[in-house]
Amino acid sequence: MNSNDRVGTAEDVVRSSAVATVQIDNERVTVTEWRFPPGTETGWHVHPVDYVVVPITGGELTVETRADASTNPLAIGASYTREAGSEHNVVNETDAEVAFVEIELK
């Protein structure tokens, strides 16, 4: 078995952390650049506020939820939004770095 083989549940898989760099954090927004080298993840989390994602690279990221996992393509500059309460883990299962800017609305 190699290090890319998954064993157990999504919570059991051990991966390196994606790199989060907070650019702005004030009373109105938090802006974070997320960089996902191959094989990295955010870790399980819940968003307490609505947020917008702005891809700064193309590529694919896998979004794991408690129910399933889906692969989501990213296109540079093609923003999308999610509502507060979204629980998930974001994973880069590709061979290329993927990055986006996340804007959390307070």
C-alpha atoms as a PDB file:
ATOM      1  CA  MET A   1       0.000   0.000   0.000  1.00  0.00           C
ATOM      2  CA  ASN A   2       1.390   3.445  -0.845  1.00  0.00           C
ATOM      3  CA  SER A   3       0.788   6.805   0.848  1.00  0.00           C
ATOM      4  CA  ASN A   4      -1.938   7.715  -1.675  1.00  0.00           C
ATOM      5  CA  ASP A   5      -4.137   4.737  -0.752  1.00  0.00           C
ATOM      6  CA  ARG A   6      -7.093   5.718   1.391  1.00  0.00           C
ATOM      7  CA  VAL A   7      -7.951   3.561   4.364  1.00  0.00           C
ATOM      8  CA  GLY A   8     -10.890   4.026   6.706  1.00  0.00           C
ATOM      9  CA  THR A   9     -13.242   6.980   6.816  1.00  0.00           C
ATOM     10  CA  ALA A  10     -12.483  10.483   5.562  1.00  0.00           C
ATOM     11  CA  GLU A  11     -11.616  11.527   9.123  1.00  0.00           C
ATOM     12  CA  ASP A  12      -9.000   8.744   9.367  1.00  0.00           C
ATOM     13  CA  VAL A  13      -6.928   9.846   6.370  1.00  0.00           C
ATOM     14  CA  VAL A  14      -3.846  11.834   7.405  1.00  0.00           C
ATOM     15  CA  ARG A  15      -2.750  14.583   5.012  1.00  0.00           C
ATOM     16  CA  SER A  16      -0.629  17.711   5.241  1.00  0.00           C
ATOM     17  CA  SER A  17      -2.391  21.026   5.784  1.00  0.00           C
ATOM     18  CA  ALA A  18      -3.133  23.456   3.004  1.00  0.00           C
ATOM     19  CA  VAL A  19      -1.466  26.856   3.508  1.00  0.00           C
ATOM     20  CA  ALA A  20      -3.802  29.615   4.700  1.00  0.00           C
ATOM     21  CA  THR A  21      -2.566  33.220   4.636  1.00  0.00           C
ATOM     22  CA  VAL A  22      -4.928  35.791   6.134  1.00  0.00           C
ATOM     23  CA  GLN A  23      -4.655  38.998   4.095  1.00  0.00           C
ATOM     24  CA  ILE A  24      -7.408  41.068   5.735  1.00  0.00           C
ATOM     25  CA  ASP A  25      -9.295  40.539   8.994  1.00  0.00           C
ATOM     26  CA  ASN A  26     -11.493  43.374  10.175  1.00  0.00           C
ATOM     27  CA  GLU A  27     -15.038  43.942  11.460  1.00  0.00           C
ATOM     28  CA  ARG A  28     -16.562  43.392   7.987  1.00  0.00           C
ATOM     29  CA  VAL A  29     -14.565  40.630   6.239  1.00  0.00           C
ATOM     30  CA  THR A  30     -11.833  38.065   6.536  1.00  0.00           C
ATOM     31  CA  VAL A  31      -9.860  37.497   3.327  1.00  0.00           C
ATOM     32  CA  THR A  32      -7.668  34.397   3.225  1.00  0.00           C
ATOM     33  CA  GLU A  33      -5.497  33.044   0.429  1.00  0.00           C
ATOM     34  CA  TRP A  34      -5.578  29.232   0.419  1.00  0.00           C
ATOM     35  CA  ARG A  35      -2.831  27.272  -1.358  1.00  0.00           C
ATOM     36  CA  PHE A  36      -3.178  23.535  -1.789  1.00  0.00           C
ATOM     37  CA  PRO A  37       0.011  21.730  -2.806  1.00  0.00           C
ATOM     38  CA  PRO A  38      -0.730  18.171  -3.972  1.00  0.00           C
ATOM     39  CA  GLY A  39      -2.032  15.948  -1.169  1.00  0.00           C
ATOM     40  CA  THR A  40      -3.041  18.730   1.234  1.00  0.00           C
ATOM     41  CA  GLU A  41      -6.351  19.572   2.928  1.00  0.00           C
ATOM     42  CA  THR A  42      -8.073  22.240   5.000  1.00  0.00           C
ATOM     43  CA  GLY A  43      -9.209  19.811   7.680  1.00  0.00           C
ATOM     44  CA  TRP A  44     -12.843  19.458   8.735  1.00  0.00           C
ATOM     45  CA  HIS A  45     -14.484  22.789   9.513  1.00  0.00           C
ATOM     46  CA  VAL A  46     -17.801  24.653   9.566  1.00  0.00           C
ATOM     47  CA  HIS A  47     -18.190  28.133   8.101  1.00  0.00           C
ATOM     48  CA  PRO A  48     -19.952  30.392  10.637  1.00  0.00           C
ATOM     49  CA  VAL A  49     -20.637  33.077   8.003  1.00  0.00           C
ATOM     50  CA  ASP A  50     -21.472  33.324   4.279  1.00  0.00           C
ATOM     51  CA  TYR A  51     -18.401  33.372   2.042  1.00  0.00           C
ATOM     52  CA  VAL A  52     -17.165  33.856  -1.513  1.00  0.00           C
ATOM     53  CA  VAL A  53     -14.397  31.842  -3.189  1.00  0.00           C
ATOM     54  CA  VAL A  54     -12.312  33.401  -5.989  1.00  0.00           C
ATOM     55  CA  PRO A  55     -10.049  30.846  -7.736  1.00  0.00           C
ATOM     56  CA  ILE A  56      -6.582  32.189  -8.582  1.00  0.00           C
ATOM     57  CA  THR A  57      -5.503  28.982 -10.327  1.00  0.00           C
ATOM     58  CA  GLY A  58      -7.418  26.452 -12.326  1.00  0.00           C
ATOM     59  CA  GLY A  59      -7.627  22.851 -11.251  1.00  0.00           C
ATOM     60  CA  GLU A  60      -9.766  20.503  -9.216  1.00  0.00           C
ATOM     61  CA  LEU A  61     -10.415  20.172  -5.508  1.00  0.00           C
ATOM     62  CA  THR A  62     -12.325  17.429  -3.738  1.00  0.00           C
ATOM     63  CA  VAL A  63     -14.904  18.521  -1.180  1.00  0.00           C
ATOM     64  CA  GLU A  64     -15.646  15.904   1.455  1.00  0.00           C
ATOM     65  CA  THR A  65     -18.898  16.196   3.404  1.00  0.00           C
ATOM     66  CA  ARG A  66     -20.264  13.840   6.058  1.00  0.00           C
ATOM     67  CA  ALA A  67     -22.464  12.298   3.334  1.00  0.00           C
ATOM     68  CA  ASP A  68     -20.077  12.016   0.370  1.00  0.00           C
ATOM     69  CA  ALA A  69     -17.235  13.543  -1.632  1.00  0.00           C
ATOM     70  CA  SER A  70     -17.350  15.438  -4.922  1.00  0.00           C
ATOM     71  CA  THR A  71     -14.700  16.773  -7.271  1.00  0.00           C
ATOM     72  CA  ASN A  72     -15.137  20.462  -8.095  1.00  0.00           C
ATOM     73  CA  PRO A  73     -13.384  22.093 -11.055  1.00  0.00           C
ATOM     74  CA  LEU A  74     -11.984  25.597 -10.505  1.00  0.00           C
ATOM     75  CA  ALA A  75     -11.515  28.183 -13.247  1.00  0.00           C
ATOM     76  CA  ILE A  76      -9.384  31.280 -12.661  1.00  0.00           C
ATOM     77  CA  GLY A  77     -11.647  34.176 -11.642  1.00  0.00           C
ATOM     78  CA  ALA A  78     -14.900  32.138 -11.725  1.00  0.00           C
ATOM     79  CA  SER A  79     -16.166  33.016  -8.238  1.00  0.00           C
ATOM     80  CA  TYR A  80     -18.803  31.112  -6.291  1.00  0.00           C
ATOM     81  CA  THR A  81     -20.515  31.540  -2.934  1.00  0.00           C
ATOM     82  CA  ARG A  82     -21.624  29.304  -0.085  1.00  0.00           C
ATOM     83  CA  GLU A  83     -23.900  29.928   2.891  1.00  0.00           C
ATOM     84  CA  ALA A  84     -22.975  29.798   6.561  1.00  0.00           C
ATOM     85  CA  GLY A  85     -23.111  26.364   8.147  1.00  0.00           C
ATOM     86  CA  SER A  86     -21.306  24.482   5.401  1.00  0.00           C
ATOM     87  CA  GLU A  87     -19.310  21.642   7.015  1.00  0.00           C
ATOM     88  CA  HIS A  88     -16.622  20.056   4.886  1.00  0.00           C
ATOM     89  CA  ASN A  89     -12.984  19.236   4.239  1.00  0.00           C
ATOM     90  CA  VAL A  90     -11.324  20.499   1.044  1.00  0.00           C
ATOM     91  CA  VAL A  91      -8.608  18.243  -0.436  1.00  0.00           C
ATOM     92  CA  ASN A  92      -6.205  18.514  -3.364  1.00  0.00           C
ATOM     93  CA  GLU A  93      -5.938  14.994  -4.771  1.00  0.00           C
ATOM     94  CA  THR A  94      -4.221  16.164  -7.981  1.00  0.00           C
ATOM     95  CA  ASP A  95      -0.546  16.499  -8.922  1.00  0.00           C
ATOM     96  CA  ALA A  96      -0.671  20.311  -9.244  1.00  0.00           C
ATOM     97  CA  GLU A  97      -1.020  23.145  -6.751  1.00  0.00           C
ATOM     98  CA  VAL A  98      -4.485  24.736  -6.590  1.00  0.00           C
ATOM     99  CA  ALA A  99      -5.215  28.123  -4.971  1.00  0.00           C
ATOM    100  CA  PHE A 100      -8.111  30.437  -4.219  1.00  0.00           C
ATOM    101  CA  VAL A 101      -8.985  33.504  -2.174  1.00  0.00           C
ATOM    102  CA  GLU A 102     -11.783  33.065   0.344  1.00  0.00           C
ATOM    103  CA  ILE A 103     -13.773  36.121   1.460  1.00  0.00           C
ATOM    104  CA  GLU A 104     -15.818  35.570   4.617  1.00  0.00           C
ATOM    105  CA  LEU A 105     -18.603  38.106   5.133  1.00  0.00           C
ATOM    106  CA  LYS A 106     -19.136  39.062   8.781  1.00  0.00           C
END
